[in-house]
Amino acid sequence: CDFETDLCKPLHEVNLHPGWIRRNGNSGVGPPYSDHSGNCSTYFLSLSSEMRSSSATLMSNVLLPTDEEHVCQITFQYWISQSGVLMVGLQKLSEDTIKNIWHDSGELQNQWKAQTITVNSTENFVV
């Protein structure tokens, strides 16, 4: 998913909760001024400036259960330019709670980082 033409299959517009915007480094919004590869014209998702002090959520489509043969790995690049926490959670469809499976606390890191998360669930889930 590279956000160049749309939000890609896992992140449909209906799952783009308030606060997220699709933009590039040329948008004049502020850092980052390029994507993780240094390209200023390619698109990424960013929190709008109005949401900097609150939270916003992205949610995947429903994903199928995992086992030894079927592994789910999610790789993403992220940028934290202000104090805050980026979290990845897993929610089984049979439960109302979201289990935190990864997080990073940022204090003006101002750099792109990469992360790969292996997700395990014995039933259908969203991330």
Protein backbone atom coordinates (compact mmCIF):
# COMPACT_ATOMS: atom_id res chain seq x y z
CA CYS A 1 0.00 0.00 0.00
CA ASP A 2 1.66 3.22 -1.11
CA PHE A 3 -1.27 5.72 -1.06
CA GLU A 4 -0.37 7.03 -4.55
CA THR A 5 -3.79 6.56 -6.17
CA ASP A 6 -6.02 5.93 -3.15
CA LEU A 7 -5.96 4.44 0.33
CA CYS A 8 -5.39 0.81 -0.83
CA LYS A 9 -7.48 -2.24 -0.02
CA PRO A 10 -6.77 -2.59 3.72
CA LEU A 11 -7.63 1.06 4.46
CA HIS A 12 -10.85 1.95 2.70
CA GLU A 13 -12.20 5.50 2.99
CA VAL A 14 -14.91 4.24 5.35
CA ASN A 15 -12.15 3.18 7.79
CA LEU A 16 -10.28 6.48 7.55
CA HIS A 17 -11.34 7.94 10.87
CA PRO A 18 -11.40 11.70 11.45
CA GLY A 19 -7.99 13.29 11.73
CA TRP A 20 -6.13 11.41 8.99
CA ILE A 21 -5.27 13.08 5.69
CA ARG A 22 -3.55 11.74 2.57
CA ARG A 23 -0.78 14.14 1.64
CA ASN A 24 2.78 14.46 0.35
CA GLY A 25 5.81 16.53 1.30
CA ASN A 26 4.86 19.28 -1.14
CA SER A 27 1.58 20.00 0.66
CA GLY A 28 3.04 22.78 2.80
CA VAL A 29 1.58 21.29 5.99
CA GLY A 30 4.94 20.80 7.73
CA PRO A 31 7.23 17.86 8.41
CA PRO A 32 7.77 15.36 7.06
CA TYR A 33 8.67 17.00 3.76
CA SER A 34 9.20 13.69 1.97
CA ASP A 35 8.23 10.05 2.29
CA HIS A 36 10.48 7.40 3.88
CA SER A 37 12.55 7.14 0.67
CA GLY A 38 13.17 10.90 0.44
CA ASN A 39 10.65 11.56 -2.34
CA CYS A 40 8.67 14.77 -1.68
CA SER A 41 5.94 14.06 -4.27
CA THR A 42 4.78 10.62 -3.09
CA TYR A 43 1.84 10.30 -0.73
CA PHE A 44 1.51 9.13 2.87
CA LEU A 45 -1.07 9.47 5.65
CA SER A 46 -0.66 12.18 8.26
CA LEU A 47 -2.62 13.49 11.21
CA SER A 48 -4.20 16.84 10.46
CA SER A 49 -2.90 19.74 12.54
CA GLU A 50 -6.24 19.96 14.40
CA MET A 51 -5.73 16.42 15.73
CA ARG A 52 -2.21 16.80 17.13
CA SER A 53 -3.40 16.79 20.75
CA SER A 54 -5.96 13.98 20.49
CA SER A 55 -6.17 10.52 18.95
CA ALA A 56 -7.12 9.13 15.55
CA THR A 57 -7.59 5.55 14.37
CA LEU A 58 -6.89 3.57 11.20
CA MET A 59 -8.52 0.16 10.89
CA SER A 60 -7.81 -2.71 8.50
CA ASN A 61 -10.36 -4.87 6.76
CA VAL A 62 -11.20 -8.14 8.50
CA LEU A 63 -8.19 -10.46 8.37
CA LEU A 64 -8.34 -14.26 8.57
CA PRO A 65 -6.96 -16.38 11.43
CA THR A 66 -3.24 -17.17 11.48
CA ASP A 67 -1.39 -20.43 12.11
CA GLU A 68 2.06 -21.91 11.42
CA GLU A 69 1.29 -22.06 7.68
CA HIS A 70 -0.52 -18.71 7.36
CA VAL A 71 1.42 -15.90 9.01
CA CYS A 72 0.33 -12.25 9.02
CA GLN A 73 3.09 -9.65 8.97
CA ILE A 74 2.48 -5.93 8.67
CA THR A 75 5.36 -3.66 7.66
CA PHE A 76 5.04 0.11 7.82
CA GLN A 77 7.10 3.29 7.97
CA TYR A 78 6.21 6.01 10.45
CA TRP A 79 7.28 9.47 11.56
CA ILE A 80 6.69 11.06 14.96
CA SER A 81 7.36 14.80 14.97
CA GLN A 82 5.76 15.73 18.29
CA SER A 83 5.34 14.06 21.66
CA GLY A 84 2.90 11.24 21.30
CA VAL A 85 2.37 7.52 21.04
CA LEU A 86 1.77 5.44 17.94
CA MET A 87 0.06 2.15 18.79
CA VAL A 88 -0.95 -0.96 16.86
CA GLY A 89 -3.77 -2.97 18.32
CA LEU A 90 -5.49 -6.24 17.51
CA GLN A 91 -9.22 -6.74 17.93
CA LYS A 92 -10.79 -10.17 17.53
CA LEU A 93 -14.24 -9.89 15.97
CA SER A 94 -15.74 -11.80 18.91
CA GLU A 95 -14.42 -9.23 21.41
CA ASP A 96 -14.99 -5.53 22.10
CA THR A 97 -11.52 -4.90 23.50
CA ILE A 98 -8.42 -3.95 21.52
CA LYS A 99 -5.16 -5.59 22.62
CA ASN A 100 -2.08 -3.38 22.23
CA ILE A 101 0.52 -5.42 20.28
CA TRP A 102 3.12 -2.69 19.57
CA HIS A 103 3.79 0.97 20.38
CA ASP A 104 6.42 3.69 20.08
CA SER A 105 6.56 6.85 22.14
CA GLY A 106 7.92 9.79 20.27
CA GLU A 107 9.73 12.82 21.55
CA LEU A 108 10.47 14.93 18.47
CA GLN A 109 12.20 12.08 16.64
CA ASN A 110 11.78 13.79 13.25
CA GLN A 111 12.88 10.80 11.22
CA TRP A 112 11.25 7.93 9.38
CA LYS A 113 11.41 4.56 11.10
CA ALA A 114 10.41 1.12 9.77
CA GLN A 115 8.61 -1.57 11.73
CA THR A 116 7.45 -5.11 10.97
CA ILE A 117 4.89 -6.71 13.28
CA THR A 118 3.88 -10.38 13.24
CA VAL A 119 0.22 -10.72 14.15
CA ASN A 120 -1.22 -13.94 15.61
CA SER A 121 -4.91 -14.66 16.07
CA THR A 122 -6.91 -17.90 16.15
CA GLU A 123 -10.00 -16.11 14.80
CA ASN A 124 -10.92 -13.31 12.37
CA PHE A 125 -9.52 -9.95 13.46
CA VAL A 126 -8.80 -6.33 12.54
CA VAL A 127 -5.61 -4.35 13.19
